[in-house]
Amino acid sequence: MTAAIGRDRQLQEAEEACLRRGARLTPLRRQVLELILDADAPVGAYALLDRLKADRPGAAPPTVYRALDFLLEHGLVHKVERLNAFIGCADAGHGHVHDHGHPHQFLICRRCGTTVEIADDAVARAIAEAASRAGFAATESTVEIEGTCARCAAA
């Protein structure tokens, strides 16, 4: 499957997920999601704003932040805190909202910046169990793991 077909499928699933929830993926929100999905790596809000201004010269930071808030709330994107950037949710449209309803971890390559979302239930269980042993009731967690991707390791 080509990247464009994958992106088109993700956009369609996002549209359907919003409709099921009674929310609306407006043209602006869709465009911000497209920009995130088209990016080669997680993308920051100001980089999104710069790209958005090509089609919407009057776009301002609040424009992007409101769209990002919506996309985050509806589980369509994740924020990679380490990078202060956003990445499309690999499992978007499958019923989870806001807390993303599924475990997610990010593998971040220190060399090229490639970031991959994985969803390993065993990692989530280990974190929940460790938190419980400390008397803490974990409700969600995001794990960001830095290292070297296979492509960079082979180079």
N, C-alpha and C. Protein backbone atom coordinates (compact mmCIF):
# COMPACT_ATOMS: atom_id res chain seq x y z
N MET A 1 0.86 -1.18 0.00
CA MET A 1 0.00 0.00 0.00
C MET A 1 0.90 1.23 0.00
N THR A 2 0.60 2.18 -0.86
CA THR A 2 1.39 3.40 -0.91
C THR A 2 1.05 4.29 0.27
N ALA A 3 1.92 5.24 0.53
CA ALA A 3 1.69 6.16 1.65
C ALA A 3 0.43 6.98 1.44
N ALA A 4 0.18 7.38 0.17
CA ALA A 4 -1.02 8.19 -0.12
C ALA A 4 -2.29 7.40 0.16
N ILE A 5 -2.30 6.13 -0.20
CA ILE A 5 -3.48 5.30 0.06
C ILE A 5 -3.66 5.12 1.56
N GLY A 6 -2.57 4.90 2.27
CA GLY A 6 -2.65 4.77 3.72
C GLY A 6 -3.15 6.05 4.37
N ARG A 7 -2.65 7.18 3.88
CA ARG A 7 -3.10 8.46 4.42
C ARG A 7 -4.57 8.69 4.12
N ASP A 8 -4.98 8.38 2.88
CA ASP A 8 -6.39 8.56 2.52
C ASP A 8 -7.29 7.68 3.38
N ARG A 9 -6.85 6.48 3.66
CA ARG A 9 -7.62 5.58 4.53
C ARG A 9 -7.71 6.15 5.94
N GLN A 10 -6.59 6.66 6.46
CA GLN A 10 -6.59 7.25 7.80
C GLN A 10 -7.53 8.46 7.86
N LEU A 11 -7.53 9.27 6.82
CA LEU A 11 -8.41 10.44 6.80
C LEU A 11 -9.88 10.01 6.76
N GLN A 12 -10.18 8.99 5.98
CA GLN A 12 -11.55 8.48 5.92
C GLN A 12 -11.98 7.92 7.27
N GLU A 13 -11.11 7.15 7.91
CA GLU A 13 -11.42 6.60 9.24
C GLU A 13 -11.59 7.72 10.26
N ALA A 14 -10.80 8.78 10.16
CA ALA A 14 -10.92 9.91 11.07
C ALA A 14 -12.28 10.58 10.88
N GLU A 15 -12.66 10.78 9.63
CA GLU A 15 -13.96 11.39 9.32
C GLU A 15 -15.09 10.55 9.90
N GLU A 16 -15.04 9.24 9.70
CA GLU A 16 -16.08 8.34 10.20
C GLU A 16 -16.12 8.32 11.73
N ALA A 17 -14.95 8.32 12.36
CA ALA A 17 -14.88 8.32 13.82
C ALA A 17 -15.52 9.59 14.39
N CYS A 18 -15.23 10.72 13.77
CA CYS A 18 -15.82 11.98 14.23
C CYS A 18 -17.34 11.95 14.07
N LEU A 19 -17.82 11.48 12.95
CA LEU A 19 -19.27 11.40 12.73
C LEU A 19 -19.94 10.51 13.77
N ARG A 20 -19.32 9.37 14.09
CA ARG A 20 -19.88 8.47 15.11
C ARG A 20 -19.99 9.16 16.47
N ARG A 21 -19.08 10.08 16.74
CA ARG A 21 -19.06 10.78 18.03
C ARG A 21 -19.85 12.08 18.01
N GLY A 22 -20.46 12.38 16.86
CA GLY A 22 -21.20 13.63 16.76
C GLY A 22 -20.30 14.84 16.64
N ALA A 23 -19.05 14.63 16.26
CA ALA A 23 -18.09 15.72 16.09
C ALA A 23 -17.90 15.96 14.59
N ARG A 24 -17.28 17.05 14.27
CA ARG A 24 -17.10 17.39 12.86
C ARG A 24 -15.63 17.63 12.55
N LEU A 25 -15.14 16.89 11.58
CA LEU A 25 -13.78 17.11 11.10
C LEU A 25 -13.88 18.20 10.02
N THR A 26 -13.77 19.44 10.46
CA THR A 26 -13.92 20.58 9.56
C THR A 26 -12.78 20.56 8.53
N PRO A 27 -12.92 21.32 7.46
CA PRO A 27 -11.84 21.38 6.47
C PRO A 27 -10.49 21.79 7.09
N LEU A 28 -10.50 22.72 8.03
CA LEU A 28 -9.26 23.13 8.67
C LEU A 28 -8.67 21.99 9.51
N ARG A 29 -9.49 21.35 10.31
CA ARG A 29 -9.00 20.23 11.13
C ARG A 29 -8.46 19.11 10.25
N ARG A 30 -9.18 18.85 9.15
CA ARG A 30 -8.74 17.81 8.22
C ARG A 30 -7.39 18.19 7.60
N GLN A 31 -7.24 19.46 7.25
CA GLN A 31 -5.99 19.90 6.63
C GLN A 31 -4.83 19.77 7.62
N VAL A 32 -5.05 20.13 8.88
CA VAL A 32 -3.98 19.98 9.88
C VAL A 32 -3.65 18.49 10.05
N LEU A 33 -4.66 17.64 10.10
CA LEU A 33 -4.42 16.19 10.20
C LEU A 33 -3.65 15.70 8.98
N GLU A 34 -4.01 16.15 7.79
CA GLU A 34 -3.28 15.77 6.57
C GLU A 34 -1.81 16.18 6.67
N LEU A 35 -1.56 17.39 7.13
CA LEU A 35 -0.18 17.86 7.26
C LEU A 35 0.61 16.97 8.21
N ILE A 36 -0.02 16.55 9.29
CA ILE A 36 0.65 15.67 10.25
C ILE A 36 0.90 14.31 9.62
N LEU A 37 -0.10 13.77 8.95
CA LEU A 37 0.05 12.45 8.34
C LEU A 37 1.07 12.46 7.20
N ASP A 38 1.20 13.58 6.51
CA ASP A 38 2.13 13.68 5.39
C ASP A 38 3.57 13.93 5.83
N ALA A 39 3.76 14.34 7.08
CA ALA A 39 5.10 14.65 7.56
C ALA A 39 5.94 13.39 7.70
N ASP A 40 7.22 13.52 7.44
CA ASP A 40 8.14 12.38 7.56
C ASP A 40 8.48 12.05 9.01
N ALA A 41 8.24 13.00 9.89
CA ALA A 41 8.56 12.84 11.30
C ALA A 41 7.53 13.64 12.08
N PRO A 42 7.48 13.49 13.40
CA PRO A 42 6.56 14.32 14.18
C PRO A 42 6.80 15.79 13.86
N VAL A 43 5.72 16.54 13.83
CA VAL A 43 5.81 17.94 13.40
C VAL A 43 5.28 18.86 14.49
N GLY A 44 5.99 19.95 14.71
CA GLY A 44 5.61 20.91 15.73
C GLY A 44 4.51 21.85 15.26
N ALA A 45 3.88 22.52 16.20
CA ALA A 45 2.77 23.41 15.89
C ALA A 45 3.18 24.56 14.97
N TYR A 46 4.35 25.14 15.18
CA TYR A 46 4.75 26.27 14.33
C TYR A 46 5.15 25.81 12.94
N ALA A 47 5.69 24.61 12.80
CA ALA A 47 5.95 24.06 11.47
C ALA A 47 4.63 23.81 10.75
N LEU A 48 3.63 23.33 11.49
CA LEU A 48 2.30 23.15 10.91
C LEU A 48 1.73 24.49 10.46
N LEU A 49 1.89 25.51 11.29
CA LEU A 49 1.40 26.84 10.94
C LEU A 49 2.05 27.34 9.66
N ASP A 50 3.37 27.17 9.53
CA ASP A 50 4.07 27.61 8.32
C ASP A 50 3.51 26.90 7.09
N ARG A 51 3.26 25.60 7.20
CA ARG A 51 2.73 24.84 6.06
C ARG A 51 1.28 25.23 5.77
N LEU A 52 0.54 25.50 6.82
CA LEU A 52 -0.87 25.88 6.67
C LEU A 52 -1.00 27.23 5.97
N LYS A 53 -0.06 28.13 6.23
CA LYS A 53 -0.12 29.48 5.65
C LYS A 53 -0.02 29.47 4.13
N ALA A 54 0.48 28.39 3.56
CA ALA A 54 0.55 28.30 2.10
C ALA A 54 -0.85 28.35 1.49
N ASP A 55 -1.83 27.75 2.16
CA ASP A 55 -3.22 27.75 1.69
C ASP A 55 -4.09 28.75 2.44
N ARG A 56 -3.69 29.08 3.65
CA ARG A 56 -4.48 29.97 4.51
C ARG A 56 -3.57 31.07 5.06
N PRO A 57 -3.33 32.10 4.25
CA PRO A 57 -2.37 33.14 4.66
C PRO A 57 -2.69 33.79 6.00
N GLY A 58 -3.96 33.85 6.39
CA GLY A 58 -4.34 34.50 7.64
C GLY A 58 -4.24 33.59 8.86
N ALA A 59 -3.77 32.37 8.67
CA ALA A 59 -3.70 31.42 9.80
C ALA A 59 -2.76 31.97 10.88
N ALA A 60 -3.17 31.78 12.13
CA ALA A 60 -2.39 32.24 13.28
C ALA A 60 -2.23 31.07 14.26
N PRO A 61 -1.32 31.20 15.23
CA PRO A 61 -1.12 30.10 16.17
C PRO A 61 -2.41 29.54 16.79
N PRO A 62 -3.36 30.39 17.24
CA PRO A 62 -4.58 29.80 17.81
C PRO A 62 -5.32 28.89 16.84
N THR A 63 -5.24 29.19 15.55
CA THR A 63 -5.88 28.37 14.53
C THR A 63 -5.36 26.94 14.61
N VAL A 64 -4.04 26.82 14.65
CA VAL A 64 -3.41 25.50 14.70
C VAL A 64 -3.66 24.84 16.04
N TYR A 65 -3.51 25.57 17.13
CA TYR A 65 -3.68 24.96 18.45
C TYR A 65 -5.10 24.47 18.68
N ARG A 66 -6.10 25.19 18.20
CA ARG A 66 -7.49 24.71 18.33
C ARG A 66 -7.68 23.42 17.55
N ALA A 67 -7.14 23.36 16.34
CA ALA A 67 -7.25 22.15 15.53
C ALA A 67 -6.53 20.99 16.21
N LEU A 68 -5.34 21.25 16.75
CA LEU A 68 -4.58 20.20 17.44
C LEU A 68 -5.33 19.71 18.68
N ASP A 69 -5.91 20.63 19.43
CA ASP A 69 -6.69 20.23 20.61
C ASP A 69 -7.81 19.28 20.22
N PHE A 70 -8.51 19.60 19.14
CA PHE A 70 -9.59 18.73 18.66
C PHE A 70 -9.05 17.36 18.26
N LEU A 71 -7.97 17.35 17.49
CA LEU A 71 -7.41 16.09 17.01
C LEU A 71 -6.90 15.23 18.16
N LEU A 72 -6.31 15.87 19.17
CA LEU A 72 -5.87 15.14 20.37
C LEU A 72 -7.06 14.59 21.13
N GLU A 73 -8.07 15.42 21.34
CA GLU A 73 -9.25 15.03 22.10
C GLU A 73 -9.95 13.83 21.47
N HIS A 74 -9.92 13.77 20.15
CA HIS A 74 -10.63 12.69 19.46
C HIS A 74 -9.73 11.52 19.08
N GLY A 75 -8.52 11.49 19.65
CA GLY A 75 -7.64 10.34 19.46
C GLY A 75 -7.10 10.19 18.06
N LEU A 76 -7.02 11.26 17.31
CA LEU A 76 -6.55 11.18 15.92
C LEU A 76 -5.05 11.43 15.81
N VAL A 77 -4.50 12.11 16.80
CA VAL A 77 -3.06 12.36 16.85
C VAL A 77 -2.58 12.17 18.28
N HIS A 78 -1.27 12.04 18.41
CA HIS A 78 -0.61 12.01 19.71
C HIS A 78 0.39 13.15 19.77
N LYS A 79 0.67 13.61 20.97
CA LYS A 79 1.75 14.57 21.15
C LYS A 79 2.96 13.79 21.68
N VAL A 80 4.07 13.93 20.99
CA VAL A 80 5.32 13.33 21.45
C VAL A 80 6.00 14.41 22.28
N GLU A 81 5.90 14.26 23.59
CA GLU A 81 6.36 15.31 24.51
C GLU A 81 7.84 15.62 24.34
N ARG A 82 8.65 14.61 24.20
CA ARG A 82 10.10 14.80 24.08
C ARG A 82 10.44 15.74 22.93
N LEU A 83 9.65 15.67 21.87
CA LEU A 83 9.91 16.48 20.68
C LEU A 83 9.01 17.71 20.59
N ASN A 84 8.03 17.80 21.50
CA ASN A 84 7.02 18.86 21.44
C ASN A 84 6.43 18.93 20.04
N ALA A 85 6.03 17.75 19.56
CA ALA A 85 5.55 17.62 18.19
C ALA A 85 4.41 16.61 18.14
N PHE A 86 3.77 16.52 16.99
CA PHE A 86 2.57 15.70 16.85
C PHE A 86 2.75 14.66 15.76
N ILE A 87 2.11 13.52 15.99
CA ILE A 87 2.19 12.39 15.06
C ILE A 87 0.79 11.80 14.95
N GLY A 88 0.44 11.32 13.78
CA GLY A 88 -0.86 10.68 13.60
C GLY A 88 -0.94 9.41 14.44
N CYS A 89 -2.11 9.15 15.00
CA CYS A 89 -2.32 7.95 15.80
C CYS A 89 -2.40 6.75 14.88
N ALA A 90 -1.59 5.75 15.14
CA ALA A 90 -1.58 4.54 14.32
C ALA A 90 -2.88 3.76 14.42
N ASP A 91 -3.64 4.00 15.49
CA ASP A 91 -4.88 3.26 15.72
C ASP A 91 -6.09 4.19 15.74
N ALA A 92 -5.99 5.32 15.05
CA ALA A 92 -7.08 6.30 15.04
C ALA A 92 -8.34 5.71 14.44
N GLY A 93 -9.46 6.14 14.94
CA GLY A 93 -10.73 5.70 14.39
C GLY A 93 -11.24 4.39 14.94
N HIS A 94 -10.57 3.85 15.93
CA HIS A 94 -10.99 2.56 16.47
C HIS A 94 -11.65 2.67 17.83
N GLY A 95 -12.32 3.78 18.04
CA GLY A 95 -13.18 3.88 19.20
C GLY A 95 -12.62 4.59 20.41
N HIS A 96 -11.35 4.85 20.47
CA HIS A 96 -10.80 5.50 21.65
C HIS A 96 -10.81 7.02 21.46
N VAL A 97 -10.96 7.71 22.57
CA VAL A 97 -10.93 9.17 22.53
C VAL A 97 -10.10 9.69 23.70
N HIS A 98 -9.66 10.88 23.58
CA HIS A 98 -8.90 11.66 24.55
C HIS A 98 -7.72 10.92 25.16
N ASP A 99 -7.97 9.87 25.97
CA ASP A 99 -6.83 9.18 26.57
C ASP A 99 -6.27 8.14 25.61
N HIS A 100 -6.81 8.11 24.42
CA HIS A 100 -6.39 7.25 23.33
C HIS A 100 -6.69 5.79 23.58
N GLY A 101 -7.21 5.43 24.74
CA GLY A 101 -7.79 4.12 24.98
C GLY A 101 -6.95 2.92 24.64
N HIS A 102 -5.76 3.12 24.21
CA HIS A 102 -4.88 1.99 23.92
C HIS A 102 -3.49 2.37 24.39
N PRO A 103 -2.71 1.36 24.76
CA PRO A 103 -1.35 1.69 25.19
C PRO A 103 -0.56 2.22 24.00
N HIS A 104 0.26 3.20 24.22
CA HIS A 104 1.11 3.66 23.14
C HIS A 104 2.48 4.03 23.68
N GLN A 105 3.44 3.62 22.89
CA GLN A 105 4.82 3.93 23.17
C GLN A 105 5.42 4.45 21.86
N PHE A 106 6.41 5.31 21.99
CA PHE A 106 7.04 5.88 20.80
C PHE A 106 8.51 5.51 20.78
N LEU A 107 8.97 5.04 19.64
CA LEU A 107 10.38 4.76 19.41
C LEU A 107 10.91 5.93 18.59
N ILE A 108 11.85 6.68 19.16
CA ILE A 108 12.35 7.91 18.53
C ILE A 108 13.82 7.72 18.18
N CYS A 109 14.14 7.82 16.90
CA CYS A 109 15.53 7.69 16.46
C CYS A 109 16.26 9.00 16.72
N ARG A 110 17.35 8.91 17.46
CA ARG A 110 18.15 10.10 17.77
C ARG A 110 18.89 10.64 16.55
N ARG A 111 19.12 9.78 15.57
CA ARG A 111 19.88 10.21 14.39
C ARG A 111 19.00 10.91 13.36
N CYS A 112 17.91 10.27 12.95
CA CYS A 112 17.10 10.83 11.84
C CYS A 112 15.77 11.41 12.29
N GLY A 113 15.38 11.18 13.54
CA GLY A 113 14.13 11.72 14.04
C GLY A 113 12.90 10.90 13.74
N THR A 114 13.07 9.80 13.00
CA THR A 114 11.93 8.94 12.72
C THR A 114 11.30 8.52 14.03
N THR A 115 9.99 8.59 14.09
CA THR A 115 9.26 8.21 15.29
C THR A 115 8.17 7.23 14.90
N VAL A 116 8.12 6.12 15.60
CA VAL A 116 7.15 5.08 15.32
C VAL A 116 6.33 4.83 16.58
N GLU A 117 5.02 4.76 16.39
CA GLU A 117 4.14 4.42 17.52
C GLU A 117 3.99 2.91 17.56
N ILE A 118 4.15 2.36 18.75
CA ILE A 118 3.83 0.95 18.97
C ILE A 118 2.80 0.90 20.09
N ALA A 119 2.09 -0.17 20.17
CA ALA A 119 1.07 -0.33 21.22
C ALA A 119 1.26 -1.71 21.83
N ASP A 120 2.12 -1.78 22.83
CA ASP A 120 2.45 -3.05 23.46
C ASP A 120 1.72 -3.16 24.80
N ASP A 121 0.74 -4.05 24.86
CA ASP A 121 -0.04 -4.22 26.10
C ASP A 121 0.84 -4.65 27.27
N ALA A 122 1.89 -5.43 27.00
CA ALA A 122 2.76 -5.90 28.08
C ALA A 122 3.48 -4.71 28.74
N VAL A 123 3.90 -3.75 27.95
CA VAL A 123 4.55 -2.56 28.50
C VAL A 123 3.55 -1.79 29.37
N ALA A 124 2.34 -1.62 28.87
CA ALA A 124 1.31 -0.90 29.63
C ALA A 124 1.00 -1.62 30.94
N ARG A 125 0.90 -2.94 30.90
CA ARG A 125 0.64 -3.71 32.13
C ARG A 125 1.79 -3.56 33.12
N ALA A 126 3.02 -3.62 32.62
CA ALA A 126 4.18 -3.48 33.51
C ALA A 126 4.19 -2.12 34.19
N ILE A 127 3.85 -1.08 33.46
CA ILE A 127 3.79 0.27 34.05
C ILE A 127 2.68 0.34 35.09
N ALA A 128 1.51 -0.18 34.75
CA ALA A 128 0.37 -0.16 35.69
C ALA A 128 0.70 -0.94 36.95
N GLU A 129 1.35 -2.10 36.80
CA GLU A 129 1.71 -2.91 37.97
C GLU A 129 2.75 -2.21 38.83
N ALA A 130 3.75 -1.59 38.21
CA ALA A 130 4.77 -0.86 38.97
C ALA A 130 4.14 0.32 39.70
N ALA A 131 3.25 1.02 39.04
CA ALA A 131 2.56 2.14 39.67
C ALA A 131 1.72 1.66 40.85
N SER A 132 1.03 0.55 40.67
CA SER A 132 0.20 -0.01 41.72
C SER A 132 1.03 -0.39 42.94
N ARG A 133 2.19 -1.00 42.69
CA ARG A 133 3.07 -1.37 43.82
C ARG A 133 3.51 -0.13 44.60
N ALA A 134 3.55 1.02 43.92
CA ALA A 134 3.94 2.27 44.58
C ALA A 134 2.72 2.98 45.17
N GLY A 135 1.55 2.33 45.09
CA GLY A 135 0.35 2.93 45.64
C GLY A 135 -0.26 3.99 44.74
N PHE A 136 0.06 3.93 43.47
CA PHE A 136 -0.40 4.94 42.51
C PHE A 136 -1.35 4.29 41.53
N ALA A 137 -2.49 4.92 41.28
CA ALA A 137 -3.46 4.41 40.31
C ALA A 137 -3.24 5.12 38.98
N ALA A 138 -2.52 4.48 38.08
CA ALA A 138 -2.23 5.07 36.77
C ALA A 138 -3.48 5.01 35.90
N THR A 139 -3.77 6.12 35.23
CA THR A 139 -4.93 6.14 34.32
C THR A 139 -4.49 6.13 32.87
N GLU A 140 -3.32 6.63 32.58
CA GLU A 140 -2.76 6.56 31.24
C GLU A 140 -1.27 6.81 31.32
N SER A 141 -0.57 6.35 30.30
CA SER A 141 0.87 6.60 30.24
C SER A 141 1.32 6.65 28.79
N THR A 142 2.35 7.42 28.58
CA THR A 142 3.00 7.48 27.28
C THR A 142 4.47 7.23 27.53
N VAL A 143 5.03 6.30 26.79
CA VAL A 143 6.43 5.96 26.94
C VAL A 143 7.15 6.40 25.67
N GLU A 144 8.22 7.15 25.85
CA GLU A 144 9.01 7.62 24.72
C GLU A 144 10.42 7.05 24.87
N ILE A 145 10.80 6.22 23.90
CA ILE A 145 12.05 5.49 23.95
C ILE A 145 12.96 6.03 22.86
N GLU A 146 14.14 6.50 23.26
CA GLU A 146 15.11 7.03 22.30
C GLU A 146 16.15 5.98 21.99
N GLY A 147 16.58 5.98 20.76
CA GLY A 147 17.60 5.03 20.32
C GLY A 147 17.92 5.25 18.87
N THR A 148 18.23 4.16 18.18
CA THR A 148 18.60 4.21 16.78
C THR A 148 17.69 3.28 15.98
N CYS A 149 17.09 3.81 14.91
CA CYS A 149 16.22 2.98 14.07
C CYS A 149 17.06 2.01 13.25
N ALA A 150 16.40 1.02 12.68
CA ALA A 150 17.10 -0.01 11.90
C ALA A 150 17.82 0.59 10.70
N ARG A 151 17.20 1.56 10.04
CA ARG A 151 17.80 2.17 8.85
C ARG A 151 19.10 2.89 9.22
N CYS A 152 19.09 3.64 10.31
CA CYS A 152 20.30 4.36 10.72
C CYS A 152 21.36 3.39 11.23
N ALA A 153 20.94 2.35 11.92
CA ALA A 153 21.88 1.36 12.44
C ALA A 153 22.59 0.65 11.31
N ALA A 154 21.89 0.43 10.21
CA ALA A 154 22.48 -0.26 9.07
C ALA A 154 23.40 0.63 8.25
N ALA A 155 23.23 1.94 8.40
CA ALA A 155 24.04 2.89 7.58
C ALA A 155 25.45 3.03 8.10
